[in-house]
Amino acid sequence: MKWYENLYVGESIADKAVRIKRKIEHNGITPSVYLVTLPSNPANLLDIIPARDLLQPGYPKQDLHIIGLAKGYDEAIGLVQQMIEETLQKTGTTDIVSYLKNERRREA
């Protein structure tokens, strides 16, 4: 599991993000928390998955790149919308994956 350095976090959990992240890393229960991840299928822009799915044995966590945390599905949709708007504004495209990779390189 890899975390995006500039993790997008929903407003309702902004003050709890570090604790929630730690719980997820240690297989703790995080009710109503959703993760925004890089797409598992190249045809998708991003994936939104409930954090509880990570508790399933055999879930492929190692290849998971988490770029956002949200409380509830609606807030996760809002984060994705924010990411798309930011990407579109800065690049003129909706290629979020390339945008995030380039942003990370510029900050390094």
N, C-alpha and C. Protein backbone atom coordinates (compact mmCIF):
# COMPACT_ATOMS: atom_id res chain seq x y z
N MET A 1 0.85 -1.16 0.00
CA MET A 1 0.00 0.00 0.00
C MET A 1 0.90 1.24 0.00
N LYS A 2 0.61 2.14 -0.91
CA LYS A 2 1.39 3.37 -1.00
C LYS A 2 0.44 4.55 -0.87
N TRP A 3 0.89 5.56 -0.14
CA TRP A 3 0.09 6.76 0.09
C TRP A 3 0.66 7.90 -0.74
N TYR A 4 -0.21 8.65 -1.38
CA TYR A 4 0.19 9.84 -2.12
C TYR A 4 0.71 10.87 -1.13
N GLU A 5 1.83 11.47 -1.46
CA GLU A 5 2.48 12.41 -0.55
C GLU A 5 1.57 13.58 -0.17
N ASN A 6 0.84 14.11 -1.14
CA ASN A 6 -0.09 15.23 -0.89
C ASN A 6 -1.52 14.70 -0.88
N LEU A 7 -1.78 13.81 0.05
CA LEU A 7 -3.05 13.12 0.15
C LEU A 7 -4.23 14.11 0.16
N TYR A 8 -5.22 13.84 -0.68
CA TYR A 8 -6.46 14.61 -0.67
C TYR A 8 -7.31 14.06 0.46
N VAL A 9 -7.83 14.95 1.30
CA VAL A 9 -8.60 14.52 2.46
C VAL A 9 -9.90 15.32 2.50
N GLY A 10 -11.00 14.61 2.73
CA GLY A 10 -12.29 15.26 2.86
C GLY A 10 -12.34 16.16 4.09
N GLU A 11 -13.12 17.21 3.99
CA GLU A 11 -13.22 18.20 5.08
C GLU A 11 -13.66 17.59 6.40
N SER A 12 -14.56 16.63 6.36
CA SER A 12 -15.12 16.09 7.60
C SER A 12 -14.13 15.25 8.40
N ILE A 13 -13.04 14.82 7.76
CA ILE A 13 -12.05 14.02 8.49
C ILE A 13 -10.65 14.63 8.45
N ALA A 14 -10.55 15.87 8.04
CA ALA A 14 -9.24 16.50 7.88
C ALA A 14 -8.41 16.45 9.17
N ASP A 15 -9.06 16.67 10.31
CA ASP A 15 -8.33 16.68 11.58
C ASP A 15 -8.02 15.28 12.10
N LYS A 16 -8.59 14.25 11.47
CA LYS A 16 -8.38 12.86 11.91
C LYS A 16 -7.61 12.05 10.89
N ALA A 17 -7.12 12.66 9.83
CA ALA A 17 -6.51 11.93 8.72
C ALA A 17 -5.32 11.06 9.14
N VAL A 18 -4.46 11.59 9.99
CA VAL A 18 -3.28 10.83 10.41
C VAL A 18 -3.70 9.58 11.18
N ARG A 19 -4.66 9.74 12.08
CA ARG A 19 -5.13 8.60 12.87
C ARG A 19 -5.84 7.56 11.98
N ILE A 20 -6.64 8.02 11.04
CA ILE A 20 -7.34 7.11 10.13
C ILE A 20 -6.33 6.36 9.26
N LYS A 21 -5.35 7.08 8.77
CA LYS A 21 -4.31 6.45 7.95
C LYS A 21 -3.60 5.35 8.73
N ARG A 22 -3.26 5.64 9.98
CA ARG A 22 -2.59 4.65 10.84
C ARG A 22 -3.48 3.43 11.05
N LYS A 23 -4.78 3.67 11.28
CA LYS A 23 -5.72 2.56 11.48
C LYS A 23 -5.78 1.67 10.24
N ILE A 24 -5.82 2.29 9.08
CA ILE A 24 -5.88 1.53 7.83
C ILE A 24 -4.61 0.70 7.66
N GLU A 25 -3.48 1.30 7.95
CA GLU A 25 -2.20 0.58 7.81
C GLU A 25 -2.09 -0.61 8.74
N HIS A 26 -2.78 -0.54 9.90
CA HIS A 26 -2.71 -1.61 10.89
C HIS A 26 -3.99 -2.45 10.95
N ASN A 27 -4.72 -2.46 9.85
CA ASN A 27 -5.95 -3.28 9.71
C ASN A 27 -7.01 -2.96 10.76
N GLY A 28 -7.08 -1.71 11.14
CA GLY A 28 -8.12 -1.30 12.08
C GLY A 28 -9.43 -1.04 11.35
N ILE A 29 -10.50 -1.02 12.11
CA ILE A 29 -11.82 -0.77 11.54
C ILE A 29 -12.03 0.73 11.42
N THR A 30 -12.40 1.16 10.22
CA THR A 30 -12.63 2.58 9.94
C THR A 30 -14.00 2.72 9.26
N PRO A 31 -15.05 2.77 10.07
CA PRO A 31 -16.39 2.82 9.49
C PRO A 31 -16.61 4.08 8.66
N SER A 32 -17.28 3.92 7.56
CA SER A 32 -17.67 4.99 6.66
C SER A 32 -16.51 5.68 5.95
N VAL A 33 -15.31 5.14 6.04
CA VAL A 33 -14.17 5.76 5.35
C VAL A 33 -14.02 5.12 3.98
N TYR A 34 -13.84 5.99 2.99
CA TYR A 34 -13.63 5.55 1.62
C TYR A 34 -12.27 6.02 1.14
N LEU A 35 -11.65 5.20 0.31
CA LEU A 35 -10.34 5.52 -0.25
C LEU A 35 -10.50 5.83 -1.74
N VAL A 36 -9.82 6.86 -2.17
CA VAL A 36 -9.73 7.16 -3.59
C VAL A 36 -8.35 6.67 -4.01
N THR A 37 -8.31 5.78 -4.97
CA THR A 37 -7.04 5.16 -5.38
C THR A 37 -6.82 5.33 -6.88
N LEU A 38 -5.57 5.14 -7.27
CA LEU A 38 -5.30 5.10 -8.71
C LEU A 38 -6.07 3.92 -9.28
N PRO A 39 -6.46 4.01 -10.53
CA PRO A 39 -7.36 3.00 -11.10
C PRO A 39 -6.73 1.61 -11.22
N SER A 40 -7.53 0.61 -10.91
CA SER A 40 -7.09 -0.78 -11.09
C SER A 40 -7.28 -1.21 -12.55
N ASN A 41 -8.09 -0.46 -13.28
CA ASN A 41 -8.38 -0.72 -14.68
C ASN A 41 -8.02 0.54 -15.47
N PRO A 42 -7.20 0.45 -16.49
CA PRO A 42 -6.78 1.65 -17.24
C PRO A 42 -7.94 2.43 -17.86
N ALA A 43 -9.10 1.81 -17.98
CA ALA A 43 -10.25 2.51 -18.56
C ALA A 43 -10.90 3.45 -17.55
N ASN A 44 -10.57 3.33 -16.26
CA ASN A 44 -11.15 4.18 -15.22
C ASN A 44 -10.27 5.39 -14.97
N LEU A 45 -10.88 6.47 -14.48
CA LEU A 45 -10.09 7.62 -14.03
C LEU A 45 -9.47 7.32 -12.67
N LEU A 46 -10.28 6.87 -11.74
CA LEU A 46 -9.86 6.54 -10.37
C LEU A 46 -10.78 5.45 -9.85
N ASP A 47 -10.42 4.87 -8.70
CA ASP A 47 -11.30 3.92 -8.02
C ASP A 47 -11.69 4.50 -6.67
N ILE A 48 -12.90 4.20 -6.25
CA ILE A 48 -13.36 4.56 -4.90
C ILE A 48 -13.73 3.25 -4.22
N ILE A 49 -13.06 2.97 -3.10
CA ILE A 49 -13.33 1.71 -2.41
C ILE A 49 -13.55 1.97 -0.91
N PRO A 50 -14.45 1.23 -0.30
CA PRO A 50 -14.61 1.35 1.15
C PRO A 50 -13.36 0.81 1.85
N ALA A 51 -12.90 1.49 2.86
CA ALA A 51 -11.71 1.04 3.60
C ALA A 51 -11.93 -0.34 4.19
N ARG A 52 -13.16 -0.68 4.51
CA ARG A 52 -13.44 -1.99 5.10
C ARG A 52 -13.07 -3.13 4.16
N ASP A 53 -13.04 -2.87 2.85
CA ASP A 53 -12.65 -3.91 1.89
C ASP A 53 -11.22 -4.38 2.13
N LEU A 54 -10.38 -3.53 2.67
CA LEU A 54 -8.98 -3.90 2.92
C LEU A 54 -8.84 -4.95 4.01
N LEU A 55 -9.89 -5.14 4.81
CA LEU A 55 -9.85 -6.14 5.88
C LEU A 55 -10.05 -7.55 5.36
N GLN A 56 -10.48 -7.69 4.12
CA GLN A 56 -10.70 -9.01 3.55
C GLN A 56 -9.36 -9.71 3.33
N PRO A 57 -9.26 -10.96 3.73
CA PRO A 57 -8.02 -11.70 3.47
C PRO A 57 -7.77 -11.80 1.96
N GLY A 58 -6.56 -11.59 1.57
CA GLY A 58 -6.21 -11.71 0.17
C GLY A 58 -6.47 -10.48 -0.67
N TYR A 59 -6.98 -9.40 -0.06
CA TYR A 59 -7.21 -8.18 -0.84
C TYR A 59 -5.85 -7.66 -1.33
N PRO A 60 -5.74 -7.31 -2.60
CA PRO A 60 -4.44 -6.90 -3.15
C PRO A 60 -4.00 -5.50 -2.70
N LYS A 61 -3.56 -5.39 -1.46
CA LYS A 61 -3.17 -4.10 -0.89
C LYS A 61 -1.84 -3.59 -1.43
N GLN A 62 -0.95 -4.49 -1.78
CA GLN A 62 0.40 -4.08 -2.15
C GLN A 62 0.44 -3.16 -3.37
N ASP A 63 -0.46 -3.35 -4.30
CA ASP A 63 -0.48 -2.53 -5.51
C ASP A 63 -1.40 -1.31 -5.38
N LEU A 64 -1.91 -1.07 -4.21
CA LEU A 64 -2.86 0.02 -3.99
C LEU A 64 -2.13 1.34 -3.78
N HIS A 65 -2.47 2.34 -4.58
CA HIS A 65 -1.92 3.69 -4.44
C HIS A 65 -3.06 4.61 -4.00
N ILE A 66 -3.04 4.97 -2.73
CA ILE A 66 -4.13 5.77 -2.16
C ILE A 66 -3.81 7.24 -2.34
N ILE A 67 -4.73 7.97 -2.97
CA ILE A 67 -4.52 9.40 -3.19
C ILE A 67 -5.54 10.27 -2.46
N GLY A 68 -6.56 9.63 -1.87
CA GLY A 68 -7.56 10.40 -1.15
C GLY A 68 -8.27 9.60 -0.08
N LEU A 69 -8.69 10.31 0.97
CA LEU A 69 -9.46 9.74 2.09
C LEU A 69 -10.72 10.57 2.27
N ALA A 70 -11.83 9.90 2.47
CA ALA A 70 -13.08 10.63 2.67
C ALA A 70 -13.98 9.88 3.63
N LYS A 71 -14.86 10.62 4.29
CA LYS A 71 -15.87 10.01 5.15
C LYS A 71 -17.16 9.95 4.35
N GLY A 72 -17.52 8.76 3.96
CA GLY A 72 -18.73 8.56 3.18
C GLY A 72 -18.48 8.63 1.68
N TYR A 73 -19.35 7.96 0.97
CA TYR A 73 -19.22 7.87 -0.48
C TYR A 73 -19.40 9.24 -1.15
N ASP A 74 -20.35 10.02 -0.66
CA ASP A 74 -20.61 11.33 -1.26
C ASP A 74 -19.38 12.24 -1.16
N GLU A 75 -18.72 12.21 -0.01
CA GLU A 75 -17.52 13.03 0.14
C GLU A 75 -16.40 12.51 -0.78
N ALA A 76 -16.32 11.21 -0.98
CA ALA A 76 -15.33 10.64 -1.89
C ALA A 76 -15.59 11.12 -3.32
N ILE A 77 -16.85 11.15 -3.72
CA ILE A 77 -17.22 11.67 -5.04
C ILE A 77 -16.79 13.14 -5.15
N GLY A 78 -17.00 13.90 -4.09
CA GLY A 78 -16.59 15.30 -4.08
C GLY A 78 -15.08 15.46 -4.24
N LEU A 79 -14.31 14.58 -3.59
CA LEU A 79 -12.85 14.62 -3.74
C LEU A 79 -12.44 14.32 -5.18
N VAL A 80 -13.06 13.32 -5.76
CA VAL A 80 -12.76 12.98 -7.15
C VAL A 80 -13.09 14.16 -8.07
N GLN A 81 -14.22 14.80 -7.82
CA GLN A 81 -14.59 15.97 -8.61
C GLN A 81 -13.54 17.06 -8.46
N GLN A 82 -13.08 17.29 -7.24
CA GLN A 82 -12.04 18.29 -6.99
C GLN A 82 -10.76 17.94 -7.76
N MET A 83 -10.38 16.67 -7.75
CA MET A 83 -9.17 16.22 -8.45
C MET A 83 -9.31 16.42 -9.96
N ILE A 84 -10.48 16.08 -10.50
CA ILE A 84 -10.71 16.24 -11.94
C ILE A 84 -10.65 17.71 -12.32
N GLU A 85 -11.31 18.57 -11.54
CA GLU A 85 -11.31 20.00 -11.84
C GLU A 85 -9.90 20.58 -11.77
N GLU A 86 -9.14 20.18 -10.77
CA GLU A 86 -7.76 20.65 -10.63
C GLU A 86 -6.90 20.19 -11.80
N THR A 87 -7.05 18.93 -12.18
CA THR A 87 -6.29 18.38 -13.31
C THR A 87 -6.66 19.10 -14.60
N LEU A 88 -7.94 19.29 -14.83
CA LEU A 88 -8.42 19.96 -16.04
C LEU A 88 -7.92 21.40 -16.10
N GLN A 89 -7.95 22.08 -14.96
CA GLN A 89 -7.50 23.48 -14.91
C GLN A 89 -6.00 23.60 -15.18
N LYS A 90 -5.21 22.68 -14.64
CA LYS A 90 -3.76 22.80 -14.76
C LYS A 90 -3.18 22.17 -16.02
N THR A 91 -3.90 21.17 -16.60
CA THR A 91 -3.34 20.48 -17.76
C THR A 91 -4.21 20.57 -19.01
N GLY A 92 -5.47 20.89 -18.85
CA GLY A 92 -6.37 20.91 -19.99
C GLY A 92 -6.91 19.54 -20.35
N THR A 93 -6.57 18.52 -19.54
CA THR A 93 -7.06 17.16 -19.77
C THR A 93 -7.61 16.60 -18.47
N THR A 94 -8.16 15.40 -18.55
CA THR A 94 -8.63 14.73 -17.34
C THR A 94 -7.74 13.54 -16.99
N ASP A 95 -6.51 13.54 -17.47
CA ASP A 95 -5.57 12.46 -17.19
C ASP A 95 -4.98 12.65 -15.79
N ILE A 96 -5.75 12.24 -14.80
CA ILE A 96 -5.38 12.45 -13.40
C ILE A 96 -4.09 11.71 -13.04
N VAL A 97 -3.94 10.50 -13.51
CA VAL A 97 -2.77 9.69 -13.17
C VAL A 97 -1.49 10.41 -13.59
N SER A 98 -1.43 10.88 -14.84
CA SER A 98 -0.24 11.61 -15.30
C SER A 98 -0.04 12.89 -14.52
N TYR A 99 -1.12 13.60 -14.26
CA TYR A 99 -1.03 14.85 -13.50
C TYR A 99 -0.44 14.61 -12.11
N LEU A 100 -0.93 13.60 -11.41
CA LEU A 100 -0.44 13.33 -10.06
C LEU A 100 1.03 12.92 -10.08
N LYS A 101 1.41 12.13 -11.06
CA LYS A 101 2.81 11.72 -11.16
C LYS A 101 3.72 12.91 -11.46
N ASN A 102 3.28 13.81 -12.33
CA ASN A 102 4.07 15.01 -12.64
C ASN A 102 4.14 15.95 -11.45
N GLU A 103 3.04 16.11 -10.72
CA GLU A 103 3.03 16.97 -9.53
C GLU A 103 4.03 16.48 -8.51
N ARG A 104 4.08 15.19 -8.32
CA ARG A 104 4.99 14.59 -7.33
C ARG A 104 6.45 14.84 -7.74
N ARG A 105 6.74 14.72 -9.04
CA ARG A 105 8.10 14.95 -9.52
C ARG A 105 8.51 16.41 -9.35
N ARG A 106 7.58 17.33 -9.59
CA ARG A 106 7.89 18.76 -9.46
C ARG A 106 8.19 19.15 -8.03
N GLU A 107 7.54 18.49 -7.09
CA GLU A 107 7.72 18.83 -5.68
C GLU A 107 8.99 18.20 -5.10
N ALA A 108 9.49 17.17 -5.74
CA ALA A 108 10.68 16.47 -5.21
C ALA A 108 11.95 17.27 -5.42
